[in-house]
Amino acid sequence: MANLARARHSSRLRDIAESQALLLELSTSEPMVIQCFKIIESTCLSQGLFCQVRGEDASKEFQLFLEEHYVPFCKAAIRAMFTYGFVPWRTRRLLSGDEVPEVLPAGTFSWHTEAGQSGATGWRGGPPARRSDDDSRLVVYRITPIAAGLREEDVRLSAATPPGLDVSVNSNMYATVPSPMAHLLVDYKNLREAQKRRSHADAWNTTARLVSTFRPNLRIEDNPTQYLMDFVHENHYAPPALGSGLFPPFEAHNVWQREHVIRRQFHETPSNHHPEVYALPRDHDLAPQARLDPCEDLDFLLDKYRRDVCALLGVPFEMAAGRAAGGHETVRKTIASGRIFSTNMHEICRSLQRLLREVYCDIYRAPPAAVEFVLVPMPRLEVETIADFKVLFEIGALTPDMTVHLSRILLGEHPAQSMERRGKRPRPSEGLAPGPAGGGVGGENPRPRPRETGREKSREGPRDKAGRQ
């Protein structure tokens, strides 16, 4: 039993090491994951980063400093949130003497979860070198630097996802490192292995191979072994005897001599192309080559993997993968998931604001209430037809004023022109001078309202024939 336990433990350690390599490959080079990261980055950081220190807006120089150093830090922090579940960062000093934050690059550390200070088991590898408020949690993240001379006390951890205690490590299917993207590792591994098998099968099917069958045509007086002598090395055959023809009958040669005769015939014929010809041994025929047909549904595995990536990262599948087919139904699906996507982006922006406040307070030794960072996400609206504006208005994404403004733009009317026209239009109480057509406004004869006509008649008294009252 002890040997089985040690073998299982070593197997799980190999699975965990492999899962860490797959996870870093996913987060740094896998196209679908990178596409989702870019959508999140462009949505959360497209409006820029705004900062207020002690209730006042930051200076222009400091704002440029934030755009140069803190925006790339936010992009790396977004990837770390989904890859590790936390953001490992440290401060580095520039040549000018300023300190800026930096997220630890992938591959420079390993990580695990363990019971915190309040847990019954205590610290697994001793207390952390740098204490923080998260140490009082039941489960905390711990990292182990493995490159660049990094020390644990130089690294700060900002948790983005609550950690679990050895949840994915003790999985019966596949032991993985703790990560929000742990579920993708098994699907990604199965997908890559299926692609490799498909490539191997395609290489086999497209490579020329000669498969022969042996059907001896024996006679009673023939020696059975001579039909297999063609497979013996050519050194066993003596050259033609002195005085005999250089090339005896074609069927009397062994396989190497027959191939030489065939090649000589081709070389003696003038041609720019000299084919490769192989002579089969006697009583051998060509057989069809076996074709390999992979049984995996590669399209299903790829579609499932891509949808799982979008679901874990909070990006609509139609936005990341593009639309397989147009139509109003596809647009409705995209817009219906737009509100959830907008909520997810607001949550990521709030996490980044808390992280930036923590970084600023650590670098400039300021209280948390002294600084405020603002990130405004800009969700993308997928609009193809006029009916899409109706859907956007129904779900509350467009206000009435925005709808009127967009309608004027689509009709080719500039907003300034409409304002000028409204400014020249006379009010109802003005411009009542009769026009050339005998009264009214602008040459028109407006019909009198019935109530006004009756009121005027009631004010007039009885008139005589002369028209006097």
Protein backbone atom coordinates (compact mmCIF):
# COMPACT_ATOMS: atom_id res chain seq x y z
CA MET A 1 0.00 0.00 0.00
CA ALA A 2 2.83 2.34 0.77
CA ASN A 3 4.34 1.75 -2.66
CA LEU A 4 0.99 2.45 -4.33
CA ALA A 5 0.61 5.64 -2.35
CA ARG A 6 4.08 6.83 -3.34
CA ALA A 7 3.44 5.97 -6.99
CA ARG A 8 0.15 7.87 -6.94
CA HIS A 9 1.80 10.85 -5.26
CA SER A 10 4.62 10.97 -7.82
CA SER A 11 2.08 10.65 -10.67
CA ARG A 12 0.11 13.59 -9.29
CA LEU A 13 3.26 15.65 -8.95
CA ARG A 14 3.98 15.05 -12.65
CA ASP A 15 0.39 16.01 -13.53
CA ILE A 16 0.67 19.22 -11.51
CA ALA A 17 3.96 20.16 -13.17
CA GLU A 18 2.46 19.46 -16.60
CA SER A 19 -0.67 21.47 -15.76
CA GLN A 20 1.44 24.46 -14.75
CA ALA A 21 3.27 24.36 -18.09
CA LEU A 22 -0.04 24.06 -19.97
CA LEU A 23 -1.54 26.93 -17.98
CA LEU A 24 1.36 29.26 -18.74
CA GLU A 25 1.17 28.25 -22.40
CA LEU A 26 -2.53 29.07 -22.45
CA SER A 27 -2.16 32.48 -20.87
CA THR A 28 0.81 33.59 -22.97
CA SER A 29 0.40 32.13 -26.46
CA GLU A 30 -2.99 30.46 -27.03
CA PRO A 31 -4.84 32.55 -29.67
CA MET A 32 -8.37 32.25 -28.24
CA VAL A 33 -7.31 33.20 -24.71
CA ILE A 34 -5.18 36.09 -26.02
CA GLN A 35 -8.14 37.35 -28.05
CA CYS A 36 -10.36 37.38 -24.95
CA PHE A 37 -7.65 39.15 -22.95
CA LYS A 38 -7.38 41.83 -25.64
CA ILE A 39 -11.15 42.37 -25.61
CA ILE A 40 -11.12 42.81 -21.83
CA GLU A 41 -8.12 45.15 -21.96
CA SER A 42 -9.58 47.30 -24.72
CA THR A 43 -12.93 47.51 -22.92
CA CYS A 44 -11.60 48.37 -19.46
CA LEU A 45 -8.70 50.62 -20.48
CA SER A 46 -9.98 52.29 -23.65
CA GLN A 47 -11.09 55.43 -21.76
CA GLY A 48 -7.75 55.82 -20.00
CA LEU A 49 -6.81 55.94 -16.34
CA PHE A 50 -7.92 58.89 -14.19
CA CYS A 51 -6.48 59.71 -10.79
CA GLN A 52 -7.42 62.12 -8.00
CA VAL A 53 -5.06 62.82 -5.10
CA ARG A 54 -6.65 64.37 -2.01
CA GLY A 55 -9.73 65.41 -3.95
CA GLU A 56 -7.83 67.15 -6.78
CA ASP A 57 -7.15 65.91 -10.28
CA ALA A 58 -3.65 64.70 -10.97
CA SER A 59 -1.30 66.97 -12.88
CA LYS A 60 -0.72 66.50 -16.57
CA GLU A 61 2.81 65.20 -15.98
CA PHE A 62 1.62 62.60 -13.47
CA GLN A 63 -1.23 61.61 -15.78
CA LEU A 64 1.29 60.91 -18.54
CA PHE A 65 3.37 58.97 -16.02
CA LEU A 66 0.34 56.82 -15.23
CA GLU A 67 -0.38 56.19 -18.90
CA GLU A 68 3.21 55.07 -19.46
CA HIS A 69 3.72 52.76 -16.47
CA TYR A 70 0.42 52.00 -14.77
CA VAL A 71 -1.67 51.12 -17.83
CA PRO A 72 0.73 48.29 -18.88
CA PHE A 73 0.65 47.18 -15.24
CA CYS A 74 -3.15 46.95 -15.44
CA LYS A 75 -2.96 44.86 -18.62
CA ALA A 76 -0.59 42.39 -16.98
CA ALA A 77 -2.75 42.37 -13.84
CA ILE A 78 -5.84 41.39 -15.85
CA ARG A 79 -4.05 38.33 -17.23
CA ALA A 80 -2.74 37.39 -13.78
CA MET A 81 -6.25 37.58 -12.28
CA PHE A 82 -7.53 34.89 -14.60
CA THR A 83 -4.34 32.82 -14.75
CA TYR A 84 -3.42 32.53 -11.06
CA GLY A 85 -6.45 33.93 -9.23
CA PHE A 86 -4.25 36.64 -7.72
CA VAL A 87 -1.88 39.39 -8.85
CA PRO A 88 1.78 38.95 -7.80
CA TRP A 89 3.52 42.30 -8.06
CA ARG A 90 6.58 44.13 -6.85
CA THR A 91 8.03 47.62 -7.20
CA ARG A 92 11.05 48.47 -9.31
CA ARG A 93 13.04 51.66 -9.49
CA LEU A 94 13.61 53.60 -12.71
CA LEU A 95 16.77 55.48 -13.62
CA SER A 96 14.98 58.69 -12.63
CA GLY A 97 14.47 57.35 -9.11
CA ASP A 98 10.71 56.82 -9.43
CA GLU A 99 9.20 53.54 -8.28
CA VAL A 100 6.70 51.77 -10.53
CA PRO A 101 4.76 48.50 -10.08
CA GLU A 102 5.51 45.35 -12.06
CA VAL A 103 3.58 42.08 -12.30
CA LEU A 104 5.84 39.04 -11.99
CA PRO A 105 6.40 37.47 -15.43
CA ALA A 106 5.11 33.97 -16.06
CA GLY A 107 7.60 31.23 -15.22
CA THR A 108 9.47 33.13 -12.49
CA PHE A 109 7.55 31.54 -9.58
CA SER A 110 5.38 28.62 -8.57
CA TRP A 111 2.31 28.89 -6.35
CA HIS A 112 -0.01 26.87 -4.15
CA THR A 113 -2.74 27.35 -1.57
CA GLU A 114 -2.50 26.52 2.10
CA ALA A 115 -4.29 27.10 5.38
CA GLY A 116 -3.75 30.56 6.79
CA GLN A 117 -2.76 31.68 10.27
CA SER A 118 -6.23 30.98 11.62
CA GLY A 119 -6.25 27.43 10.20
CA ALA A 120 -5.75 24.42 12.43
CA THR A 121 -2.81 23.03 10.46
CA GLY A 122 -0.72 26.21 10.52
CA TRP A 123 1.67 27.33 7.81
CA ARG A 124 2.90 24.57 5.49
CA GLY A 125 6.27 26.10 4.71
CA GLY A 126 6.60 28.45 7.65
CA PRO A 127 5.03 31.90 8.05
CA PRO A 128 5.17 34.24 5.06
CA ALA A 129 8.13 36.57 4.80
CA ARG A 130 5.83 39.58 4.33
CA ARG A 131 2.69 39.78 6.45
CA SER A 132 -0.57 41.23 5.19
CA ASP A 133 -4.24 41.44 6.14
CA ASP A 134 -4.98 38.34 4.06
CA ASP A 135 -2.94 36.17 6.43
CA SER A 136 -5.95 35.93 8.75
CA ARG A 137 -7.98 34.14 6.07
CA LEU A 138 -8.64 30.41 6.35
CA VAL A 139 -6.95 29.73 2.98
CA VAL A 140 -4.30 31.93 1.38
CA TYR A 141 -2.09 31.94 -1.69
CA ARG A 142 1.65 31.33 -1.33
CA ILE A 143 4.32 31.69 -4.02
CA THR A 144 7.84 30.30 -4.34
CA PRO A 145 10.23 32.39 -6.49
CA ILE A 146 12.33 30.21 -8.80
CA ALA A 147 14.19 32.69 -11.03
CA ALA A 148 15.97 36.06 -11.22
CA GLY A 149 17.08 35.99 -7.59
CA LEU A 150 13.58 36.97 -6.46
CA ARG A 151 12.70 36.78 -2.76
CA GLU A 152 9.29 36.10 -1.32
CA GLU A 153 9.39 39.16 0.95
CA ASP A 154 9.76 41.39 -2.14
CA VAL A 155 6.47 40.24 -3.64
CA ARG A 156 2.97 41.42 -2.76
CA LEU A 157 -0.09 39.27 -3.48
CA SER A 158 -3.48 40.81 -4.23
CA ALA A 159 -6.17 38.12 -4.35
CA ALA A 160 -8.75 38.40 -7.12
CA THR A 161 -10.48 35.01 -6.68
CA PRO A 162 -11.03 33.40 -3.25
CA PRO A 163 -8.61 30.45 -2.97
CA GLY A 164 -9.62 26.87 -2.28
CA LEU A 165 -7.59 24.34 -0.32
CA ASP A 166 -6.26 21.64 -2.68
CA VAL A 167 -9.45 21.46 -4.72
CA SER A 168 -7.90 20.88 -8.13
CA VAL A 169 -4.84 19.11 -6.74
CA ASN A 170 -6.92 16.16 -5.46
CA SER A 171 -9.03 15.83 -8.59
CA ASN A 172 -9.67 12.24 -9.69
CA MET A 173 -9.53 13.19 -13.36
CA TYR A 174 -6.44 15.36 -13.57
CA ALA A 175 -4.43 17.04 -10.83
CA THR A 176 -3.77 20.70 -11.66
CA VAL A 177 -2.37 23.80 -10.05
CA PRO A 178 -4.91 26.09 -8.35
CA SER A 179 -6.22 28.43 -11.01
CA PRO A 180 -9.56 29.85 -12.23
CA MET A 181 -8.68 28.33 -15.63
CA ALA A 182 -7.98 24.82 -14.27
CA HIS A 183 -11.00 23.37 -16.08
CA LEU A 184 -9.60 24.43 -19.45
CA LEU A 185 -6.40 22.43 -19.03
CA VAL A 186 -7.99 19.01 -19.59
CA ASP A 187 -9.95 20.20 -22.64
CA TYR A 188 -6.88 21.97 -24.04
CA LYS A 189 -4.75 18.85 -23.57
CA ASN A 190 -7.35 16.61 -25.24
CA LEU A 191 -7.72 19.06 -28.11
CA ARG A 192 -3.98 19.27 -28.76
CA GLU A 193 -3.59 15.48 -28.61
CA ALA A 194 -6.49 15.04 -31.05
CA GLN A 195 -4.86 17.54 -33.41
CA LYS A 196 -1.58 15.63 -33.21
CA ARG A 197 -3.29 12.34 -34.01
CA ARG A 198 -5.06 13.96 -36.93
CA SER A 199 -1.72 15.29 -38.21
CA HIS A 200 -0.06 11.88 -37.84
CA ALA A 201 -2.91 10.20 -39.72
CA ASP A 202 -2.70 12.81 -42.47
CA ALA A 203 1.07 12.30 -42.73
CA TRP A 204 0.56 8.55 -43.06
CA ASN A 205 -2.16 8.90 -45.69
CA THR A 206 -0.13 11.33 -47.81
CA THR A 207 3.18 9.44 -47.71
CA ALA A 208 3.88 7.04 -50.59
CA ARG A 209 4.43 3.48 -49.40
CA LEU A 210 4.72 0.18 -51.30
CA VAL A 211 2.74 -2.66 -49.78
CA SER A 212 3.23 -5.98 -51.59
CA THR A 213 1.70 -9.44 -51.38
CA PHE A 214 3.53 -12.73 -52.13
CA ARG A 215 1.76 -15.35 -54.25
CA PRO A 216 4.23 -18.05 -55.30
CA ASN A 217 3.64 -19.87 -58.57
CA LEU A 218 5.38 -23.15 -57.75
CA ARG A 219 5.97 -26.14 -59.89
CA ILE A 220 6.82 -29.64 -58.74
CA GLU A 221 10.46 -29.43 -59.74
CA ASP A 222 10.98 -25.91 -58.38
CA ASN A 223 12.85 -25.21 -55.18
CA PRO A 224 10.47 -23.34 -52.79
CA THR A 225 13.29 -21.29 -51.32
CA GLN A 226 14.34 -19.66 -54.56
CA TYR A 227 11.21 -17.54 -54.67
CA LEU A 228 12.31 -15.80 -51.53
CA MET A 229 15.93 -15.29 -52.56
CA ASP A 230 15.16 -11.85 -53.94
CA PHE A 231 15.12 -10.56 -50.35
CA VAL A 232 18.66 -11.75 -49.73
CA HIS A 233 21.42 -9.19 -50.06
CA GLU A 234 22.80 -8.72 -53.56
CA ASN A 235 26.28 -9.82 -52.48
CA HIS A 236 25.02 -13.40 -52.48
CA TYR A 237 24.65 -13.24 -56.24
CA ALA A 238 27.67 -13.74 -58.49
CA PRO A 239 28.08 -11.58 -61.60
CA PRO A 240 27.25 -13.12 -64.99
CA ALA A 241 29.69 -15.80 -66.12
CA LEU A 242 32.42 -14.95 -68.61
CA GLY A 243 31.16 -15.17 -72.14
CA SER A 244 27.50 -15.02 -71.25
CA GLY A 245 25.29 -12.05 -72.02
CA LEU A 246 25.46 -9.10 -69.73
CA PHE A 247 21.72 -9.11 -69.37
CA PRO A 248 20.13 -12.55 -69.35
CA PRO A 249 16.35 -12.88 -69.69
CA PHE A 250 14.57 -10.31 -67.58
CA GLU A 251 12.78 -12.81 -65.34
CA ALA A 252 16.04 -14.61 -64.56
CA HIS A 253 17.57 -11.67 -62.68
CA ASN A 254 17.17 -11.03 -59.02
CA VAL A 255 15.46 -7.90 -57.81
CA TRP A 256 18.58 -5.68 -57.82
CA GLN A 257 19.62 -6.72 -61.31
CA ARG A 258 16.09 -6.22 -62.67
CA GLU A 259 15.96 -2.76 -61.11
CA HIS A 260 19.30 -1.93 -62.72
CA VAL A 261 17.96 -3.02 -66.11
CA ILE A 262 14.87 -0.85 -65.69
CA ARG A 263 16.88 2.18 -64.59
CA ARG A 264 19.25 1.73 -67.55
CA GLN A 265 16.33 1.68 -69.94
CA PHE A 266 15.09 4.96 -68.53
CA HIS A 267 18.51 6.61 -68.58
CA GLU A 268 19.16 5.62 -72.18
CA THR A 269 15.96 7.35 -73.23
CA PRO A 270 16.40 11.16 -73.59
CA SER A 271 14.20 12.82 -71.01
CA ASN A 272 14.32 15.63 -68.47
CA HIS A 273 12.52 13.53 -65.89
CA HIS A 274 13.99 10.33 -64.50
CA PRO A 275 11.38 8.63 -62.33
CA GLU A 276 12.14 6.51 -59.33
CA VAL A 277 11.25 2.95 -60.28
CA TYR A 278 11.28 0.02 -57.90
CA ALA A 279 11.27 -3.58 -59.12
CA LEU A 280 9.19 -6.02 -57.10
CA PRO A 281 10.50 -9.52 -56.34
CA ARG A 282 9.11 -12.42 -58.25
CA ASP A 283 5.51 -13.42 -57.59
CA HIS A 284 4.80 -10.20 -55.69
CA ASP A 285 1.94 -7.79 -56.35
CA LEU A 286 1.14 -4.33 -55.04
CA ALA A 287 -1.57 -4.07 -52.38
CA PRO A 288 -3.58 -0.96 -51.48
CA GLN A 289 -2.26 1.03 -48.56
CA ALA A 290 -4.38 1.10 -45.39
CA ARG A 291 -5.95 4.49 -44.74
CA LEU A 292 -6.16 5.95 -41.25
CA ASP A 293 -9.36 7.78 -40.29
CA PRO A 294 -9.24 9.54 -36.89
CA CYS A 295 -12.37 8.97 -34.85
CA GLU A 296 -12.28 12.17 -32.73
CA ASP A 297 -14.81 14.88 -33.46
CA LEU A 298 -12.28 17.68 -33.73
CA ASP A 299 -14.90 20.32 -34.53
CA PHE A 300 -16.86 19.49 -31.37
CA LEU A 301 -13.74 19.58 -29.18
CA LEU A 302 -12.66 22.92 -30.66
CA ASP A 303 -16.10 24.51 -30.29
CA LYS A 304 -16.45 23.29 -26.69
CA TYR A 305 -13.01 24.57 -25.79
CA ARG A 306 -13.65 28.01 -27.30
CA ARG A 307 -17.00 28.36 -25.56
CA ASP A 308 -15.48 27.31 -22.22
CA VAL A 309 -12.75 29.94 -22.62
CA CYS A 310 -15.31 32.68 -23.25
CA ALA A 311 -17.49 31.51 -20.35
CA LEU A 312 -14.59 31.54 -17.86
CA LEU A 313 -13.24 34.90 -18.99
CA GLY A 314 -16.68 36.55 -19.14
CA VAL A 315 -16.52 37.48 -22.84
CA PRO A 316 -19.48 36.69 -25.15
CA PHE A 317 -18.65 33.92 -27.59
CA GLU A 318 -20.02 35.87 -30.55
CA MET A 319 -17.70 38.77 -29.71
CA ALA A 320 -14.51 36.70 -29.38
CA ALA A 321 -15.02 34.09 -32.10
CA GLY A 322 -16.95 36.19 -34.61
CA ARG A 323 -20.30 35.35 -36.08
CA ALA A 324 -20.56 32.08 -37.92
CA ALA A 325 -23.73 33.26 -39.65
CA GLY A 326 -25.41 36.61 -39.89
CA GLY A 327 -28.98 37.40 -39.11
CA HIS A 328 -31.05 39.15 -36.53
CA GLU A 329 -31.08 36.15 -34.20
CA THR A 330 -27.28 36.21 -33.90
CA VAL A 331 -27.39 39.93 -33.19
CA ARG A 332 -30.01 39.41 -30.49
CA LYS A 333 -27.84 36.79 -28.81
CA THR A 334 -24.85 39.12 -28.87
CA ILE A 335 -26.80 42.05 -27.44
CA ALA A 336 -28.54 39.90 -24.83
CA SER A 337 -25.16 38.87 -23.45
CA GLY A 338 -23.91 42.47 -23.69
CA ARG A 339 -25.39 43.47 -20.34
CA ILE A 340 -23.68 40.55 -18.59
CA PHE A 341 -20.45 41.45 -20.34
CA SER A 342 -20.78 45.07 -19.24
CA THR A 343 -21.34 43.95 -15.63
CA ASN A 344 -18.26 41.72 -15.78
CA MET A 345 -16.15 44.57 -17.11
CA HIS A 346 -17.33 46.90 -14.34
CA GLU A 347 -16.35 44.28 -11.78
CA ILE A 348 -12.87 43.95 -13.32
CA CYS A 349 -12.51 47.75 -13.28
CA ARG A 350 -13.38 47.84 -9.59
CA SER A 351 -10.77 45.17 -8.88
CA LEU A 352 -8.17 47.17 -10.80
CA GLN A 353 -9.10 50.35 -8.90
CA ARG A 354 -8.56 48.59 -5.58
CA LEU A 355 -5.24 47.19 -6.81
CA LEU A 356 -4.05 50.59 -8.04
CA ARG A 357 -4.97 52.19 -4.72
CA GLU A 358 -3.00 49.51 -2.90
CA VAL A 359 0.00 50.04 -5.19
CA TYR A 360 -0.09 53.83 -4.80
CA CYS A 361 -0.31 53.62 -1.01
CA ASP A 362 2.61 51.18 -0.89
CA ILE A 363 4.87 53.31 -3.11
CA TYR A 364 4.03 56.80 -1.82
CA ARG A 365 3.26 55.82 1.80
CA ALA A 366 -0.16 57.48 1.63
CA PRO A 367 -3.41 56.51 3.38
CA PRO A 368 -6.02 54.72 1.24
CA ALA A 369 -8.44 57.66 1.47
CA ALA A 370 -5.93 60.05 -0.08
CA VAL A 371 -6.11 58.68 -3.63
CA GLU A 372 -8.84 57.54 -5.97
CA PHE A 373 -8.46 55.84 -9.35
CA VAL A 374 -11.26 55.78 -11.89
CA LEU A 375 -11.58 53.32 -14.78
CA VAL A 376 -14.61 53.67 -17.07
CA PRO A 377 -15.27 50.61 -19.24
CA MET A 378 -16.54 51.12 -22.75
CA PRO A 379 -18.64 48.13 -23.87
CA ARG A 380 -18.87 47.50 -27.58
CA LEU A 381 -22.24 47.65 -29.30
CA GLU A 382 -22.81 45.20 -32.13
CA VAL A 383 -25.05 46.98 -34.66
CA GLU A 384 -25.74 45.74 -38.18
CA THR A 385 -29.25 46.84 -39.10
CA ILE A 386 -31.80 49.44 -38.04
CA ALA A 387 -33.62 46.76 -36.05
CA ASP A 388 -30.57 46.50 -33.80
CA PHE A 389 -31.21 50.04 -32.52
CA LYS A 390 -34.70 48.93 -31.51
CA VAL A 391 -33.24 46.04 -29.52
CA LEU A 392 -30.68 48.32 -27.89
CA PHE A 393 -33.43 50.76 -26.92
CA GLU A 394 -35.57 47.96 -25.46
CA ILE A 395 -32.81 46.64 -23.23
CA GLY A 396 -31.97 50.16 -22.00
CA ALA A 397 -28.61 50.55 -23.74
CA LEU A 398 -29.79 53.69 -25.59
CA THR A 399 -31.50 56.71 -24.08
CA PRO A 400 -34.19 58.62 -26.03
CA ASP A 401 -31.78 61.50 -26.69
CA MET A 402 -29.16 59.10 -28.04
CA THR A 403 -31.81 57.48 -30.24
CA VAL A 404 -32.81 60.82 -31.76
CA HIS A 405 -29.17 61.75 -32.32
CA LEU A 406 -28.37 58.43 -34.03
CA SER A 407 -31.50 58.69 -36.18
CA ARG A 408 -30.43 62.09 -37.50
CA ILE A 409 -26.96 60.76 -38.27
CA LEU A 410 -28.38 57.78 -40.17
CA LEU A 411 -30.70 60.06 -42.14
CA GLY A 412 -27.76 62.19 -43.21
CA GLU A 413 -28.77 65.22 -41.18
CA HIS A 414 -26.07 67.09 -39.33
CA PRO A 415 -27.08 68.11 -35.79
CA ALA A 416 -25.89 71.70 -36.39
CA GLN A 417 -28.19 72.03 -39.40
CA SER A 418 -31.20 70.93 -37.40
CA MET A 419 -30.34 73.48 -34.69
CA GLU A 420 -30.10 76.26 -37.27
CA ARG A 421 -33.42 75.29 -38.75
CA ARG A 422 -35.04 75.25 -35.36
CA GLY A 423 -33.55 78.69 -34.64
CA LYS A 424 -35.11 80.22 -37.81
CA ARG A 425 -38.52 78.67 -37.28
CA PRO A 426 -40.99 81.37 -36.02
CA ARG A 427 -42.80 80.82 -32.79
CA PRO A 428 -46.62 80.46 -32.79
CA SER A 429 -47.05 83.92 -31.20
CA GLU A 430 -44.88 85.63 -33.79
CA GLY A 431 -45.01 86.14 -37.53
CA LEU A 432 -48.80 86.33 -37.89
CA ALA A 433 -48.64 88.90 -40.67
CA PRO A 434 -50.75 87.91 -43.67
CA GLY A 435 -48.83 86.44 -46.52
CA PRO A 436 -49.32 86.95 -50.21
CA ALA A 437 -52.06 84.34 -50.26
CA GLY A 438 -54.39 86.40 -48.12
CA GLY A 439 -53.31 85.79 -44.53
CA GLY A 440 -51.80 83.14 -42.35
CA VAL A 441 -48.24 82.38 -41.72
CA GLY A 442 -45.84 82.10 -44.58
CA GLY A 443 -48.50 82.48 -47.26
CA GLU A 444 -50.78 79.81 -45.81
CA ASN A 445 -54.43 80.15 -44.75
CA PRO A 446 -54.67 78.29 -41.48
CA ARG A 447 -58.12 77.14 -40.60
CA PRO A 448 -59.58 78.79 -37.49
CA ARG A 449 -60.14 76.51 -34.57
CA PRO A 450 -63.82 75.83 -33.88
CA ARG A 451 -63.67 77.03 -30.27
CA GLU A 452 -61.97 80.27 -31.23
CA THR A 453 -64.62 80.96 -33.94
CA GLY A 454 -67.49 80.38 -31.55
CA ARG A 455 -65.87 82.55 -28.89
CA GLU A 456 -65.46 85.48 -31.31
CA LYS A 457 -69.10 85.25 -32.40
CA SER A 458 -70.29 85.24 -28.84
CA ARG A 459 -68.39 88.44 -28.11
CA GLU A 460 -70.11 90.28 -30.98
CA GLY A 461 -73.58 91.77 -30.41
CA PRO A 462 -76.49 91.88 -32.86
CA ARG A 463 -75.80 93.92 -35.93
CA ASP A 464 -78.25 95.87 -38.04
CA LYS A 465 -78.39 95.88 -41.78
CA ALA A 466 -75.78 98.64 -41.92
CA GLY A 467 -73.41 96.61 -39.90
CA ARG A 468 -73.71 98.70 -36.73
CA GLN A 469 -73.90 97.00 -33.38
